[in-house]
Amino acid sequence: MRDAEVTRLVREGASVTDPDAWRRGYSAAIRRITEQANYLPLWSCPTTEAFSRQLEFKPWPDEPPRFYLASWK
């Protein structure tokens, strides 16, 4: 889907050499794109690495499980 307003703002920013006018045009385009944020997640992949009350396991924010650091209570 093409947004005529975004196209206009990008063309406006691209048609000038003045840095302030350039920033205004592109900033307005980026703001509109961000506000619209038209997207649809195509899939999700929930994972369960380990689950047991007897297992000492810490999940990490970057997601790869570090099973070598796990231990039994």
N, C-alpha and C. Protein backbone atom coordinates (compact mmCIF):
# COMPACT_ATOMS: atom_id res chain seq x y z
N MET A 1 0.85 -1.17 0.00
CA MET A 1 0.00 0.00 0.00
C MET A 1 0.90 1.24 0.00
N ARG A 2 0.64 2.13 -0.87
CA ARG A 2 1.42 3.37 -0.94
C ARG A 2 0.63 4.50 -0.31
N ASP A 3 1.33 5.29 0.47
CA ASP A 3 0.71 6.42 1.14
C ASP A 3 1.12 7.69 0.39
N ALA A 4 0.16 8.36 -0.21
CA ALA A 4 0.44 9.55 -1.00
C ALA A 4 1.09 10.65 -0.16
N GLU A 5 0.69 10.76 1.10
CA GLU A 5 1.26 11.78 1.98
C GLU A 5 2.74 11.50 2.25
N VAL A 6 3.09 10.24 2.51
CA VAL A 6 4.49 9.87 2.73
C VAL A 6 5.30 10.15 1.46
N THR A 7 4.77 9.78 0.32
CA THR A 7 5.45 10.03 -0.95
C THR A 7 5.70 11.52 -1.13
N ARG A 8 4.70 12.34 -0.84
CA ARG A 8 4.84 13.79 -0.97
C ARG A 8 5.92 14.31 -0.03
N LEU A 9 5.92 13.85 1.22
CA LEU A 9 6.89 14.33 2.20
C LEU A 9 8.32 13.92 1.84
N VAL A 10 8.49 12.70 1.35
CA VAL A 10 9.82 12.25 0.94
C VAL A 10 10.31 13.05 -0.26
N ARG A 11 9.43 13.28 -1.22
CA ARG A 11 9.82 14.10 -2.39
C ARG A 11 10.17 15.52 -1.96
N GLU A 12 9.41 16.04 -1.03
CA GLU A 12 9.67 17.39 -0.51
C GLU A 12 11.06 17.44 0.14
N GLY A 13 11.38 16.44 0.95
CA GLY A 13 12.69 16.40 1.59
C GLY A 13 13.82 16.19 0.60
N ALA A 14 13.57 15.40 -0.44
CA ALA A 14 14.60 15.10 -1.43
C ALA A 14 14.83 16.24 -2.41
N SER A 15 13.91 17.19 -2.48
CA SER A 15 14.00 18.24 -3.50
C SER A 15 14.73 19.49 -3.03
N VAL A 16 15.21 19.49 -1.80
CA VAL A 16 15.87 20.68 -1.26
C VAL A 16 17.30 20.38 -0.85
N THR A 17 18.11 21.41 -0.80
CA THR A 17 19.49 21.24 -0.34
C THR A 17 19.72 21.85 1.04
N ASP A 18 18.75 22.63 1.49
CA ASP A 18 18.85 23.22 2.83
C ASP A 18 18.69 22.12 3.88
N PRO A 19 19.67 21.93 4.76
CA PRO A 19 19.59 20.84 5.75
C PRO A 19 18.36 20.90 6.64
N ASP A 20 17.94 22.09 7.04
CA ASP A 20 16.76 22.20 7.90
C ASP A 20 15.48 21.80 7.17
N ALA A 21 15.34 22.21 5.92
CA ALA A 21 14.17 21.83 5.13
C ALA A 21 14.20 20.33 4.85
N TRP A 22 15.37 19.81 4.60
CA TRP A 22 15.53 18.37 4.35
C TRP A 22 15.08 17.57 5.58
N ARG A 23 15.55 18.01 6.76
CA ARG A 23 15.18 17.32 8.00
C ARG A 23 13.67 17.40 8.26
N ARG A 24 13.08 18.56 8.00
CA ARG A 24 11.63 18.72 8.21
C ARG A 24 10.84 17.74 7.35
N GLY A 25 11.19 17.65 6.07
CA GLY A 25 10.48 16.76 5.16
C GLY A 25 10.61 15.30 5.57
N TYR A 26 11.85 14.87 5.81
CA TYR A 26 12.07 13.47 6.17
C TYR A 26 11.55 13.15 7.57
N SER A 27 11.67 14.08 8.50
CA SER A 27 11.14 13.85 9.85
C SER A 27 9.64 13.66 9.82
N ALA A 28 8.95 14.47 9.03
CA ALA A 28 7.49 14.34 8.93
C ALA A 28 7.12 13.00 8.30
N ALA A 29 7.89 12.57 7.29
CA ALA A 29 7.62 11.28 6.64
C ALA A 29 7.84 10.13 7.62
N ILE A 30 8.94 10.16 8.35
CA ILE A 30 9.23 9.10 9.33
C ILE A 30 8.19 9.08 10.43
N ARG A 31 7.76 10.27 10.88
CA ARG A 31 6.73 10.34 11.92
C ARG A 31 5.44 9.68 11.43
N ARG A 32 5.05 10.00 10.20
CA ARG A 32 3.80 9.41 9.66
C ARG A 32 3.93 7.89 9.51
N ILE A 33 5.05 7.43 9.01
CA ILE A 33 5.28 5.98 8.86
C ILE A 33 5.20 5.30 10.22
N THR A 34 5.82 5.90 11.23
CA THR A 34 5.83 5.33 12.58
C THR A 34 4.43 5.32 13.18
N GLU A 35 3.68 6.40 12.98
CA GLU A 35 2.32 6.46 13.53
C GLU A 35 1.41 5.45 12.87
N GLN A 36 1.56 5.24 11.57
CA GLN A 36 0.71 4.28 10.86
C GLN A 36 1.07 2.86 11.25
N ALA A 37 2.36 2.55 11.23
CA ALA A 37 2.89 1.23 11.62
C ALA A 37 1.99 0.10 11.12
N ASN A 38 1.71 0.08 9.85
CA ASN A 38 0.86 -0.97 9.27
C ASN A 38 1.68 -2.25 9.07
N TYR A 39 1.48 -3.19 9.95
CA TYR A 39 2.17 -4.46 9.81
C TYR A 39 1.32 -5.55 10.45
N LEU A 40 1.61 -6.77 10.08
CA LEU A 40 0.91 -7.92 10.61
C LEU A 40 1.94 -9.01 10.85
N PRO A 41 2.12 -9.44 12.09
CA PRO A 41 3.08 -10.52 12.32
C PRO A 41 2.63 -11.78 11.57
N LEU A 42 3.55 -12.39 10.87
CA LEU A 42 3.20 -13.58 10.09
C LEU A 42 3.28 -14.86 10.91
N TRP A 43 4.09 -14.86 11.96
CA TRP A 43 4.19 -16.03 12.81
C TRP A 43 4.85 -15.65 14.12
N SER A 44 4.71 -16.50 15.09
CA SER A 44 5.43 -16.34 16.35
C SER A 44 5.99 -17.71 16.73
N CYS A 45 7.01 -17.69 17.51
CA CYS A 45 7.67 -18.95 17.85
C CYS A 45 7.94 -19.00 19.35
N PRO A 46 6.92 -19.29 20.15
CA PRO A 46 7.17 -19.40 21.59
C PRO A 46 8.00 -20.65 21.88
N THR A 47 8.90 -20.55 22.82
CA THR A 47 9.73 -21.69 23.17
C THR A 47 9.70 -21.92 24.67
N THR A 48 9.79 -23.15 25.05
CA THR A 48 9.96 -23.54 26.44
C THR A 48 11.24 -24.35 26.50
N GLU A 49 12.26 -23.82 27.14
CA GLU A 49 13.54 -24.51 27.18
C GLU A 49 13.61 -25.55 28.28
N ALA A 50 13.16 -25.19 29.46
CA ALA A 50 13.27 -26.11 30.60
C ALA A 50 12.23 -25.74 31.64
N PHE A 51 11.64 -26.76 32.22
CA PHE A 51 10.66 -26.48 33.24
C PHE A 51 10.62 -27.64 34.23
N SER A 52 11.08 -27.38 35.41
CA SER A 52 11.00 -28.34 36.50
C SER A 52 11.36 -27.60 37.78
N ARG A 53 10.65 -27.89 38.85
CA ARG A 53 10.97 -27.25 40.12
C ARG A 53 12.34 -27.67 40.63
N GLN A 54 12.80 -28.82 40.20
CA GLN A 54 14.10 -29.31 40.66
C GLN A 54 15.27 -28.77 39.82
N LEU A 55 14.97 -28.05 38.76
CA LEU A 55 16.01 -27.56 37.87
C LEU A 55 16.31 -26.09 38.15
N GLU A 56 17.56 -25.78 38.33
CA GLU A 56 18.02 -24.40 38.48
C GLU A 56 18.42 -23.91 37.09
N PHE A 57 17.54 -23.12 36.46
CA PHE A 57 17.76 -22.69 35.07
C PHE A 57 17.41 -21.21 34.94
N LYS A 58 18.32 -20.44 34.34
CA LYS A 58 18.10 -19.01 34.15
C LYS A 58 17.94 -18.72 32.66
N PRO A 59 16.79 -18.18 32.22
CA PRO A 59 16.65 -17.76 30.82
C PRO A 59 17.43 -16.47 30.59
N TRP A 60 17.96 -16.31 29.38
CA TRP A 60 18.76 -15.15 29.03
C TRP A 60 18.00 -14.27 28.04
N PRO A 61 18.20 -12.96 28.08
CA PRO A 61 17.44 -12.06 27.20
C PRO A 61 17.73 -12.26 25.71
N ASP A 62 18.90 -12.81 25.36
CA ASP A 62 19.18 -13.02 23.93
C ASP A 62 18.65 -14.36 23.43
N GLU A 63 18.00 -15.12 24.30
CA GLU A 63 17.24 -16.33 24.02
C GLU A 63 17.99 -17.65 23.87
N PRO A 64 19.23 -17.74 23.40
CA PRO A 64 19.84 -19.06 23.34
C PRO A 64 19.96 -19.64 24.76
N PRO A 65 19.43 -20.83 24.98
CA PRO A 65 19.51 -21.41 26.33
C PRO A 65 20.94 -21.86 26.64
N ARG A 66 21.37 -21.60 27.83
CA ARG A 66 22.70 -22.01 28.28
C ARG A 66 22.54 -23.17 29.25
N PHE A 67 22.26 -24.33 28.68
CA PHE A 67 22.01 -25.51 29.51
C PHE A 67 23.25 -25.91 30.31
N TYR A 68 24.42 -25.56 29.82
CA TYR A 68 25.65 -25.89 30.55
C TYR A 68 25.74 -25.15 31.89
N LEU A 69 24.94 -24.10 32.07
CA LEU A 69 24.91 -23.38 33.33
C LEU A 69 23.80 -23.88 34.25
N ALA A 70 22.94 -24.76 33.77
CA ALA A 70 21.83 -25.28 34.56
C ALA A 70 22.36 -26.35 35.53
N SER A 71 21.62 -26.52 36.61
CA SER A 71 21.99 -27.56 37.58
C SER A 71 20.72 -28.04 38.28
N TRP A 72 20.82 -29.19 38.89
CA TRP A 72 19.71 -29.74 39.65
C TRP A 72 19.83 -29.26 41.09
N LYS A 73 18.71 -28.96 41.70
CA LYS A 73 18.71 -28.51 43.11
C LYS A 73 18.98 -29.67 44.02
